[in-house]
N, C-alpha and C. Protein backbone atom coordinates (compact mmCIF):
# COMPACT_ATOMS: atom_id res chain seq x y z
N MET A 1 -55.85 -15.59 -26.50
CA MET A 1 -54.83 -16.58 -26.31
C MET A 1 -53.55 -15.92 -25.82
N GLY A 2 -53.66 -15.25 -24.74
CA GLY A 2 -52.48 -14.60 -24.18
C GLY A 2 -51.63 -15.59 -23.42
N SER A 3 -50.39 -15.47 -23.63
CA SER A 3 -49.47 -16.32 -22.88
C SER A 3 -49.12 -15.59 -21.58
N ARG A 4 -48.97 -16.38 -20.56
CA ARG A 4 -48.66 -15.79 -19.26
C ARG A 4 -47.15 -15.67 -19.13
N ILE A 5 -46.70 -14.49 -18.76
CA ILE A 5 -45.28 -14.26 -18.55
C ILE A 5 -45.09 -13.98 -17.06
N ARG A 6 -44.19 -14.71 -16.46
CA ARG A 6 -43.95 -14.53 -15.04
C ARG A 6 -42.44 -14.32 -14.83
N LYS A 7 -42.12 -13.32 -14.04
CA LYS A 7 -40.72 -13.05 -13.73
C LYS A 7 -40.46 -13.54 -12.31
N SER A 8 -39.42 -14.35 -12.16
CA SER A 8 -39.09 -14.85 -10.83
C SER A 8 -37.62 -14.59 -10.55
N ARG A 9 -37.31 -14.61 -9.31
CA ARG A 9 -35.94 -14.34 -8.89
C ARG A 9 -35.27 -15.67 -8.55
N ILE A 10 -34.10 -15.91 -9.16
CA ILE A 10 -33.34 -17.11 -8.86
C ILE A 10 -32.53 -16.84 -7.59
N PRO A 11 -32.45 -17.80 -6.67
CA PRO A 11 -31.66 -17.56 -5.44
C PRO A 11 -30.23 -17.19 -5.76
N ARG A 12 -29.65 -16.44 -4.86
CA ARG A 12 -28.29 -15.92 -5.07
C ARG A 12 -27.29 -17.05 -5.28
N GLN A 13 -26.53 -16.90 -6.36
CA GLN A 13 -25.53 -17.89 -6.72
C GLN A 13 -24.17 -17.39 -6.25
N ARG A 14 -23.15 -18.19 -6.48
CA ARG A 14 -21.79 -17.72 -6.20
C ARG A 14 -21.47 -16.60 -7.17
N GLY A 15 -20.78 -15.63 -6.70
CA GLY A 15 -20.44 -14.49 -7.54
C GLY A 15 -21.15 -13.26 -7.04
N ARG A 16 -21.08 -12.20 -7.80
CA ARG A 16 -21.60 -10.93 -7.34
C ARG A 16 -22.98 -10.61 -7.89
N ARG A 17 -23.36 -11.22 -8.98
CA ARG A 17 -24.62 -10.84 -9.63
C ARG A 17 -25.66 -11.94 -9.46
N SER A 18 -26.88 -11.54 -9.21
CA SER A 18 -27.96 -12.52 -9.16
C SER A 18 -28.82 -12.31 -10.41
N PRO A 19 -28.95 -13.32 -11.24
CA PRO A 19 -29.71 -13.16 -12.48
C PRO A 19 -31.21 -13.15 -12.22
N ALA A 20 -31.95 -12.52 -13.11
CA ALA A 20 -33.41 -12.54 -13.08
C ALA A 20 -33.88 -13.57 -14.11
N ALA A 21 -34.94 -14.30 -13.79
CA ALA A 21 -35.44 -15.34 -14.69
C ALA A 21 -36.86 -15.00 -15.11
N HIS A 22 -37.17 -15.19 -16.38
CA HIS A 22 -38.52 -15.01 -16.91
C HIS A 22 -39.03 -16.40 -17.30
N VAL A 23 -40.19 -16.76 -16.78
CA VAL A 23 -40.81 -18.04 -17.12
C VAL A 23 -41.97 -17.73 -18.05
N ILE A 24 -41.93 -18.31 -19.26
CA ILE A 24 -42.96 -18.05 -20.26
C ILE A 24 -43.76 -19.33 -20.46
N ASP A 25 -45.06 -19.24 -20.19
CA ASP A 25 -45.94 -20.40 -20.38
C ASP A 25 -46.47 -20.35 -21.80
N LEU A 26 -46.15 -21.35 -22.62
CA LEU A 26 -46.55 -21.36 -24.03
C LEU A 26 -47.90 -22.01 -24.26
N GLY A 27 -48.56 -22.43 -23.23
CA GLY A 27 -49.89 -23.02 -23.39
C GLY A 27 -49.90 -24.47 -22.95
N ARG A 28 -51.09 -25.09 -23.22
CA ARG A 28 -51.27 -26.47 -22.80
C ARG A 28 -50.38 -27.42 -23.57
N GLY A 29 -49.89 -28.40 -22.85
CA GLY A 29 -49.12 -29.45 -23.49
C GLY A 29 -47.67 -29.10 -23.78
N THR A 30 -47.24 -27.92 -23.42
CA THR A 30 -45.84 -27.56 -23.66
C THR A 30 -45.18 -27.22 -22.33
N GLN A 31 -43.88 -27.40 -22.31
CA GLN A 31 -43.11 -27.06 -21.12
C GLN A 31 -42.93 -25.54 -21.05
N PRO A 32 -42.95 -24.99 -19.86
CA PRO A 32 -42.70 -23.54 -19.77
C PRO A 32 -41.26 -23.23 -20.19
N LEU A 33 -41.08 -22.09 -20.78
CA LEU A 33 -39.77 -21.65 -21.25
C LEU A 33 -39.19 -20.69 -20.21
N VAL A 34 -37.94 -20.94 -19.78
CA VAL A 34 -37.30 -20.10 -18.78
C VAL A 34 -36.19 -19.31 -19.47
N VAL A 35 -36.25 -18.01 -19.35
CA VAL A 35 -35.23 -17.13 -19.91
C VAL A 35 -34.52 -16.45 -18.74
N VAL A 36 -33.22 -16.65 -18.65
CA VAL A 36 -32.45 -16.05 -17.57
C VAL A 36 -31.70 -14.84 -18.11
N VAL A 37 -31.89 -13.71 -17.48
CA VAL A 37 -31.26 -12.47 -17.92
C VAL A 37 -30.38 -11.96 -16.77
N PRO A 38 -29.05 -11.89 -16.96
CA PRO A 38 -28.20 -11.40 -15.87
C PRO A 38 -28.41 -9.91 -15.65
N GLN A 39 -28.31 -9.50 -14.40
CA GLN A 39 -28.45 -8.09 -14.09
C GLN A 39 -27.14 -7.39 -14.37
N ARG A 40 -27.24 -6.18 -14.88
CA ARG A 40 -26.03 -5.40 -15.14
C ARG A 40 -25.74 -4.51 -13.94
N ARG A 41 -24.47 -4.38 -13.66
CA ARG A 41 -24.03 -3.51 -12.58
C ARG A 41 -24.16 -2.06 -13.07
N PRO A 42 -24.54 -1.13 -12.22
CA PRO A 42 -24.60 0.28 -12.64
C PRO A 42 -23.21 0.79 -13.02
N LEU A 43 -23.18 1.85 -13.81
CA LEU A 43 -21.91 2.41 -14.28
C LEU A 43 -21.02 2.84 -13.12
N ALA A 44 -21.61 3.42 -12.10
CA ALA A 44 -20.81 3.83 -10.93
C ALA A 44 -20.19 2.61 -10.26
N GLY A 45 -20.92 1.52 -10.20
CA GLY A 45 -20.38 0.29 -9.62
C GLY A 45 -19.24 -0.27 -10.45
N GLU A 46 -19.38 -0.24 -11.77
CA GLU A 46 -18.31 -0.71 -12.65
C GLU A 46 -17.05 0.14 -12.50
N LEU A 47 -17.24 1.47 -12.43
CA LEU A 47 -16.09 2.37 -12.25
C LEU A 47 -15.41 2.15 -10.90
N ALA A 48 -16.22 1.98 -9.86
CA ALA A 48 -15.64 1.74 -8.53
C ALA A 48 -14.87 0.42 -8.51
N LEU A 49 -15.44 -0.61 -9.13
CA LEU A 49 -14.77 -1.91 -9.17
C LEU A 49 -13.47 -1.84 -9.97
N ALA A 50 -13.48 -1.10 -11.08
CA ALA A 50 -12.26 -0.96 -11.88
C ALA A 50 -11.19 -0.18 -11.12
N THR A 51 -11.61 0.86 -10.39
CA THR A 51 -10.66 1.65 -9.62
C THR A 51 -10.03 0.83 -8.50
N VAL A 52 -10.86 0.10 -7.77
CA VAL A 52 -10.35 -0.73 -6.68
C VAL A 52 -9.44 -1.83 -7.23
N GLY A 53 -9.80 -2.42 -8.36
CA GLY A 53 -8.96 -3.44 -8.97
C GLY A 53 -7.60 -2.89 -9.39
N ALA A 54 -7.60 -1.69 -9.98
CA ALA A 54 -6.33 -1.08 -10.39
C ALA A 54 -5.46 -0.75 -9.17
N LEU A 55 -6.08 -0.25 -8.11
CA LEU A 55 -5.32 0.05 -6.89
C LEU A 55 -4.78 -1.23 -6.27
N TRP A 56 -5.55 -2.31 -6.32
CA TRP A 56 -5.08 -3.57 -5.74
C TRP A 56 -3.92 -4.14 -6.54
N ARG A 57 -4.01 -4.07 -7.86
CA ARG A 57 -2.92 -4.62 -8.68
C ARG A 57 -1.63 -3.82 -8.51
N GLY A 58 -1.74 -2.53 -8.26
CA GLY A 58 -0.55 -1.69 -8.10
C GLY A 58 -0.22 -1.38 -6.66
N ARG A 59 -0.65 -2.24 -5.74
CA ARG A 59 -0.50 -1.92 -4.32
C ARG A 59 0.96 -1.82 -3.90
N THR A 60 1.85 -2.62 -4.46
CA THR A 60 3.25 -2.53 -4.06
C THR A 60 3.93 -1.33 -4.70
N ASP A 61 3.47 -0.91 -5.86
CA ASP A 61 4.07 0.26 -6.50
C ASP A 61 3.79 1.54 -5.72
N TRP A 62 2.67 1.58 -5.02
CA TRP A 62 2.26 2.79 -4.32
C TRP A 62 2.44 2.67 -2.81
N ALA A 63 3.30 1.78 -2.33
CA ALA A 63 3.46 1.54 -0.89
C ALA A 63 3.84 2.81 -0.11
N PRO A 64 4.79 3.65 -0.57
CA PRO A 64 5.09 4.86 0.22
C PRO A 64 3.92 5.83 0.30
N THR A 65 3.11 5.91 -0.74
CA THR A 65 1.95 6.80 -0.70
C THR A 65 0.93 6.29 0.30
N TRP A 66 0.70 4.97 0.31
CA TRP A 66 -0.23 4.39 1.28
C TRP A 66 0.31 4.60 2.70
N ALA A 67 1.61 4.44 2.88
CA ALA A 67 2.20 4.65 4.20
C ALA A 67 2.02 6.10 4.65
N GLY A 68 2.21 7.05 3.73
CA GLY A 68 2.00 8.46 4.06
C GLY A 68 0.56 8.76 4.43
N ALA A 69 -0.38 8.18 3.68
CA ALA A 69 -1.80 8.39 3.99
C ALA A 69 -2.16 7.77 5.34
N ALA A 70 -1.61 6.59 5.62
CA ALA A 70 -1.89 5.94 6.91
C ALA A 70 -1.27 6.75 8.06
N LEU A 71 -0.06 7.28 7.85
CA LEU A 71 0.58 8.10 8.88
C LEU A 71 -0.21 9.37 9.14
N PHE A 72 -0.70 10.01 8.08
CA PHE A 72 -1.51 11.22 8.21
C PHE A 72 -2.78 10.93 9.00
N THR A 73 -3.44 9.81 8.67
CA THR A 73 -4.68 9.45 9.36
C THR A 73 -4.41 9.10 10.82
N ALA A 74 -3.37 8.30 11.05
CA ALA A 74 -3.08 7.89 12.43
C ALA A 74 -2.70 9.08 13.31
N THR A 75 -1.90 10.00 12.78
CA THR A 75 -1.53 11.16 13.58
C THR A 75 -2.74 12.07 13.81
N GLY A 76 -3.65 12.14 12.84
CA GLY A 76 -4.86 12.93 13.04
C GLY A 76 -5.72 12.36 14.16
N VAL A 77 -5.90 11.05 14.15
CA VAL A 77 -6.69 10.42 15.21
C VAL A 77 -6.00 10.56 16.55
N LEU A 78 -4.69 10.35 16.58
CA LEU A 78 -3.94 10.44 17.83
C LEU A 78 -3.90 11.88 18.35
N SER A 79 -3.85 12.87 17.46
CA SER A 79 -3.83 14.26 17.93
C SER A 79 -5.18 14.66 18.52
N LEU A 80 -6.25 14.03 18.07
CA LEU A 80 -7.56 14.30 18.67
C LEU A 80 -7.74 13.55 19.98
N ALA A 81 -7.25 12.31 20.03
CA ALA A 81 -7.46 11.47 21.21
C ALA A 81 -6.50 11.80 22.34
N ALA A 82 -5.22 11.93 22.02
CA ALA A 82 -4.21 12.15 23.08
C ALA A 82 -3.07 13.00 22.53
N PRO A 83 -3.22 14.30 22.50
CA PRO A 83 -2.17 15.15 21.93
C PRO A 83 -0.84 15.08 22.67
N ALA A 84 -0.87 14.76 23.95
CA ALA A 84 0.38 14.68 24.72
C ALA A 84 1.21 13.47 24.31
N ALA A 85 0.64 12.55 23.54
CA ALA A 85 1.40 11.39 23.08
C ALA A 85 2.50 11.81 22.11
N GLY A 86 2.45 13.03 21.63
CA GLY A 86 3.51 13.53 20.77
C GLY A 86 4.86 13.54 21.46
N LEU A 87 4.86 13.68 22.76
CA LEU A 87 6.12 13.65 23.50
C LEU A 87 6.75 12.27 23.45
N ALA A 88 5.92 11.24 23.38
CA ALA A 88 6.46 9.87 23.28
C ALA A 88 7.17 9.66 21.94
N PHE A 89 6.81 10.42 20.93
CA PHE A 89 7.51 10.35 19.65
C PHE A 89 8.70 11.31 19.60
N ALA A 90 8.62 12.39 20.34
CA ALA A 90 9.69 13.39 20.30
C ALA A 90 10.96 12.90 20.98
N VAL A 91 10.82 12.14 22.04
CA VAL A 91 12.00 11.67 22.78
C VAL A 91 12.87 10.76 21.91
N PRO A 92 12.31 9.70 21.28
CA PRO A 92 13.17 8.89 20.40
C PRO A 92 13.67 9.65 19.18
N ALA A 93 12.89 10.63 18.72
CA ALA A 93 13.34 11.41 17.56
C ALA A 93 14.64 12.17 17.88
N LEU A 94 14.84 12.50 19.14
CA LEU A 94 16.07 13.18 19.54
C LEU A 94 17.16 12.21 20.01
N LEU A 95 16.76 11.17 20.73
CA LEU A 95 17.76 10.27 21.33
C LEU A 95 18.37 9.29 20.34
N VAL A 96 17.60 8.84 19.34
CA VAL A 96 18.15 7.87 18.39
C VAL A 96 19.32 8.46 17.59
N PRO A 97 19.21 9.66 17.02
CA PRO A 97 20.37 10.21 16.32
C PRO A 97 21.54 10.50 17.25
N ALA A 98 21.24 10.88 18.49
CA ALA A 98 22.33 11.15 19.44
C ALA A 98 23.08 9.86 19.76
N GLY A 99 22.36 8.79 20.01
CA GLY A 99 23.01 7.51 20.27
C GLY A 99 23.77 7.00 19.06
N TRP A 100 23.19 7.20 17.89
CA TRP A 100 23.86 6.79 16.65
C TRP A 100 25.17 7.56 16.46
N ALA A 101 25.15 8.86 16.77
CA ALA A 101 26.36 9.68 16.62
C ALA A 101 27.45 9.24 17.60
N VAL A 102 27.04 8.86 18.80
CA VAL A 102 28.02 8.38 19.78
C VAL A 102 28.66 7.09 19.29
N VAL A 103 27.83 6.16 18.81
CA VAL A 103 28.36 4.88 18.32
C VAL A 103 29.24 5.11 17.11
N ARG A 104 28.82 5.98 16.23
CA ARG A 104 29.57 6.25 15.00
C ARG A 104 30.95 6.82 15.29
N ARG A 105 31.05 7.62 16.35
CA ARG A 105 32.29 8.32 16.63
C ARG A 105 33.20 7.58 17.61
N TRP A 106 32.62 7.02 18.68
CA TRP A 106 33.46 6.55 19.76
C TRP A 106 33.36 5.07 20.09
N HIS A 107 32.69 4.28 19.27
CA HIS A 107 32.63 2.84 19.58
C HIS A 107 34.01 2.22 19.41
N PRO A 108 34.42 1.30 20.32
CA PRO A 108 35.78 0.76 20.23
C PRO A 108 36.02 -0.14 19.02
N ARG A 109 34.98 -0.76 18.47
CA ARG A 109 35.20 -1.65 17.32
C ARG A 109 35.00 -0.89 16.02
N SER A 110 35.97 -0.98 15.14
CA SER A 110 35.90 -0.24 13.88
C SER A 110 34.79 -0.77 12.97
N ALA A 111 34.49 -2.07 13.05
CA ALA A 111 33.42 -2.63 12.21
C ALA A 111 32.07 -2.03 12.58
N VAL A 112 31.86 -1.80 13.86
CA VAL A 112 30.60 -1.19 14.30
C VAL A 112 30.54 0.26 13.83
N ARG A 113 31.65 0.96 13.90
CA ARG A 113 31.67 2.34 13.41
C ARG A 113 31.38 2.42 11.93
N ARG A 114 31.97 1.49 11.16
CA ARG A 114 31.70 1.47 9.71
C ARG A 114 30.24 1.19 9.43
N ARG A 115 29.66 0.23 10.15
CA ARG A 115 28.25 -0.11 9.95
C ARG A 115 27.37 1.09 10.32
N ALA A 116 27.72 1.81 11.37
CA ALA A 116 26.96 3.00 11.76
C ALA A 116 27.04 4.07 10.68
N ARG A 117 28.19 4.19 10.06
CA ARG A 117 28.32 5.18 8.97
C ARG A 117 27.46 4.81 7.77
N THR A 118 27.35 3.50 7.50
CA THR A 118 26.52 3.10 6.35
C THR A 118 25.03 3.32 6.62
N LEU A 119 24.64 3.39 7.88
CA LEU A 119 23.23 3.56 8.22
C LEU A 119 22.84 5.03 8.40
N THR A 120 23.68 5.94 7.96
CA THR A 120 23.42 7.37 8.18
C THR A 120 22.07 7.80 7.62
N ARG A 121 21.82 7.49 6.36
CA ARG A 121 20.56 7.92 5.74
C ARG A 121 19.35 7.30 6.42
N HIS A 122 19.46 6.03 6.79
CA HIS A 122 18.33 5.35 7.41
C HIS A 122 18.00 5.95 8.78
N VAL A 123 19.03 6.22 9.57
CA VAL A 123 18.82 6.80 10.90
C VAL A 123 18.23 8.20 10.77
N LEU A 124 18.75 8.99 9.86
CA LEU A 124 18.23 10.35 9.70
C LEU A 124 16.80 10.35 9.18
N ALA A 125 16.48 9.45 8.25
CA ALA A 125 15.11 9.38 7.73
C ALA A 125 14.14 8.93 8.82
N GLY A 126 14.54 7.93 9.60
CA GLY A 126 13.68 7.48 10.70
C GLY A 126 13.49 8.55 11.75
N SER A 127 14.56 9.27 12.06
CA SER A 127 14.46 10.34 13.03
C SER A 127 13.58 11.48 12.52
N ALA A 128 13.69 11.80 11.25
CA ALA A 128 12.83 12.85 10.67
C ALA A 128 11.37 12.42 10.70
N ALA A 129 11.10 11.13 10.42
CA ALA A 129 9.72 10.64 10.48
C ALA A 129 9.18 10.71 11.90
N LEU A 130 10.00 10.34 12.88
CA LEU A 130 9.55 10.43 14.27
C LEU A 130 9.31 11.88 14.68
N ALA A 131 10.20 12.78 14.25
CA ALA A 131 10.03 14.20 14.59
C ALA A 131 8.76 14.76 13.95
N TRP A 132 8.50 14.39 12.70
CA TRP A 132 7.27 14.85 12.05
C TRP A 132 6.05 14.30 12.77
N THR A 133 6.10 13.02 13.14
CA THR A 133 4.97 12.42 13.84
C THR A 133 4.72 13.12 15.17
N ALA A 134 5.80 13.41 15.89
CA ALA A 134 5.65 14.11 17.18
C ALA A 134 5.01 15.49 16.97
N ALA A 135 5.50 16.23 16.00
CA ALA A 135 4.94 17.57 15.74
C ALA A 135 3.50 17.48 15.27
N ALA A 136 3.18 16.46 14.44
CA ALA A 136 1.81 16.33 13.93
C ALA A 136 0.85 15.92 15.03
N VAL A 137 1.30 15.09 15.96
CA VAL A 137 0.42 14.70 17.07
C VAL A 137 0.21 15.88 18.00
N LEU A 138 1.25 16.66 18.22
CA LEU A 138 1.11 17.81 19.12
C LEU A 138 0.29 18.94 18.49
N ALA A 139 0.52 19.25 17.22
CA ALA A 139 -0.13 20.41 16.59
C ALA A 139 -1.26 20.04 15.64
N GLY A 140 -1.39 18.77 15.29
CA GLY A 140 -2.41 18.36 14.32
C GLY A 140 -1.80 18.28 12.93
N PRO A 141 -2.06 17.21 12.17
CA PRO A 141 -1.42 17.03 10.87
C PRO A 141 -1.94 17.98 9.80
N VAL A 142 -3.05 18.67 10.05
CA VAL A 142 -3.62 19.56 9.04
C VAL A 142 -2.89 20.90 9.03
N ASN A 143 -2.06 21.15 10.00
CA ASN A 143 -1.23 22.35 10.03
C ASN A 143 -0.45 22.42 8.72
N TRP A 144 -0.53 23.52 7.99
CA TRP A 144 -0.02 23.53 6.61
C TRP A 144 1.47 23.25 6.48
N PRO A 145 2.36 23.72 7.38
CA PRO A 145 3.76 23.33 7.18
C PRO A 145 3.98 21.83 7.36
N LEU A 146 3.27 21.23 8.31
CA LEU A 146 3.41 19.79 8.52
C LEU A 146 2.83 19.00 7.36
N ALA A 147 1.69 19.45 6.85
CA ALA A 147 1.10 18.76 5.70
C ALA A 147 2.01 18.89 4.47
N GLY A 148 2.62 20.05 4.30
CA GLY A 148 3.57 20.22 3.19
C GLY A 148 4.80 19.35 3.33
N LEU A 149 5.31 19.24 4.57
CA LEU A 149 6.46 18.35 4.80
C LEU A 149 6.10 16.90 4.53
N LEU A 150 4.91 16.48 4.95
CA LEU A 150 4.49 15.10 4.69
C LEU A 150 4.35 14.86 3.19
N LEU A 151 3.77 15.82 2.49
CA LEU A 151 3.63 15.68 1.04
C LEU A 151 4.98 15.61 0.36
N ALA A 152 5.91 16.46 0.77
CA ALA A 152 7.25 16.43 0.17
C ALA A 152 7.98 15.13 0.49
N GLY A 153 7.89 14.69 1.73
CA GLY A 153 8.54 13.44 2.11
C GLY A 153 7.95 12.23 1.42
N THR A 154 6.62 12.20 1.30
CA THR A 154 5.97 11.08 0.63
C THR A 154 6.31 11.08 -0.86
N THR A 155 6.35 12.26 -1.46
CA THR A 155 6.71 12.34 -2.88
C THR A 155 8.15 11.88 -3.11
N ALA A 156 9.05 12.33 -2.26
CA ALA A 156 10.45 11.90 -2.39
C ALA A 156 10.59 10.40 -2.16
N GLY A 157 9.89 9.89 -1.16
CA GLY A 157 9.93 8.45 -0.91
C GLY A 157 9.35 7.64 -2.05
N GLN A 158 8.27 8.15 -2.64
CA GLN A 158 7.65 7.45 -3.78
C GLN A 158 8.59 7.45 -4.98
N ALA A 159 9.24 8.57 -5.25
CA ALA A 159 10.18 8.63 -6.38
C ALA A 159 11.35 7.69 -6.16
N ALA A 160 11.89 7.67 -4.94
CA ALA A 160 13.00 6.75 -4.65
C ALA A 160 12.55 5.30 -4.74
N TRP A 161 11.33 5.03 -4.30
CA TRP A 161 10.78 3.67 -4.36
C TRP A 161 10.67 3.21 -5.81
N TRP A 162 10.11 4.05 -6.67
CA TRP A 162 9.98 3.68 -8.09
C TRP A 162 11.35 3.49 -8.73
N HIS A 163 12.28 4.40 -8.43
CA HIS A 163 13.61 4.30 -9.00
C HIS A 163 14.29 3.01 -8.57
N ASN A 164 14.20 2.69 -7.29
CA ASN A 164 14.84 1.48 -6.78
C ASN A 164 14.21 0.23 -7.38
N ARG A 165 12.88 0.19 -7.48
CA ARG A 165 12.21 -0.99 -8.05
C ARG A 165 12.54 -1.13 -9.54
N ARG A 166 12.64 -0.01 -10.25
CA ARG A 166 12.97 -0.06 -11.67
C ARG A 166 14.42 -0.52 -11.86
N THR A 167 15.32 -0.04 -11.01
CA THR A 167 16.72 -0.43 -11.10
C THR A 167 16.88 -1.92 -10.83
N LEU A 168 16.18 -2.43 -9.83
CA LEU A 168 16.26 -3.85 -9.53
C LEU A 168 15.66 -4.70 -10.64
N ALA A 169 14.62 -4.18 -11.29
CA ALA A 169 13.93 -4.97 -12.31
C ALA A 169 14.75 -5.10 -13.59
N VAL A 170 15.58 -4.12 -13.90
CA VAL A 170 16.32 -4.18 -15.17
C VAL A 170 17.77 -4.61 -15.00
N THR A 171 18.21 -4.89 -13.78
CA THR A 171 19.58 -5.32 -13.57
C THR A 171 19.71 -6.77 -14.04
N PRO A 172 20.56 -7.03 -15.04
CA PRO A 172 20.67 -8.41 -15.54
C PRO A 172 21.43 -9.29 -14.56
N LEU A 173 21.05 -10.55 -14.57
CA LEU A 173 21.76 -11.52 -13.74
C LEU A 173 22.96 -12.03 -14.52
N THR A 174 24.10 -12.05 -13.88
CA THR A 174 25.31 -12.56 -14.55
C THR A 174 25.65 -13.91 -13.96
N PRO A 175 25.90 -14.89 -14.80
CA PRO A 175 26.22 -16.22 -14.28
C PRO A 175 27.62 -16.22 -13.65
N VAL A 176 27.75 -17.01 -12.63
CA VAL A 176 29.04 -17.14 -11.95
C VAL A 176 29.80 -18.26 -12.65
N THR A 177 30.99 -17.95 -13.12
CA THR A 177 31.81 -18.96 -13.78
C THR A 177 32.93 -19.39 -12.86
N ALA A 178 33.28 -20.64 -12.94
CA ALA A 178 34.35 -21.18 -12.12
C ALA A 178 35.69 -20.72 -12.66
N PRO A 179 36.66 -20.46 -11.80
CA PRO A 179 38.00 -20.06 -12.28
C PRO A 179 38.65 -21.20 -13.07
N ALA A 180 39.55 -20.84 -13.94
CA ALA A 180 40.18 -21.84 -14.83
C ALA A 180 41.02 -22.84 -14.04
N SER A 181 41.53 -22.45 -12.89
CA SER A 181 42.39 -23.36 -12.12
C SER A 181 41.59 -24.50 -11.49
N ASP A 182 40.26 -24.27 -11.29
CA ASP A 182 39.42 -25.30 -10.69
C ASP A 182 38.88 -26.28 -11.72
N ALA A 183 39.07 -25.99 -12.99
CA ALA A 183 38.52 -26.87 -14.03
C ALA A 183 39.24 -28.22 -14.01
N VAL A 184 38.53 -29.24 -14.34
CA VAL A 184 39.09 -30.60 -14.35
C VAL A 184 39.94 -30.74 -15.60
N GLN A 185 41.18 -31.16 -15.40
CA GLN A 185 42.09 -31.36 -16.55
C GLN A 185 42.09 -32.82 -16.92
N SER A 186 42.04 -33.12 -18.21
CA SER A 186 42.03 -34.51 -18.64
C SER A 186 43.23 -34.89 -19.44
């Protein structure tokens, strides 16, 4: 009186896992019993999914690091495909700070000169990034001084990014109160 056990596959449902079903025939006059057993993901799959999920949740926290990795990859591909394209990055790396210095010093409007002075760090950082990109495309990003400069720049950018985001997150909002002279007198 052996009962027949049959394992069947249920068609793929929404989601990532497809369960396995066991159909157990209990004999004449009874309905077959169906046991559904979900498949477990392998440990490597669980770890990969957890890692990708953690990286996705923290994607804005790690933006400078992702930008550095993308820059390293793009310059590597560009240095293999067209190394002379480094000159296209070298020209603006030299001309942008020169133009900025001219505007900062000799522009006739003082408001423009003040604005140029406030953009000093931004212009210098952009120019340094363009100069690094030009050198990396010409010589290859794996060159150890260039790789060290990228690592140092990415680390400094990441630290500044975290500091700025933390400062913005803990700065309390202060309500704006109307001056006493504007209050309605009764």
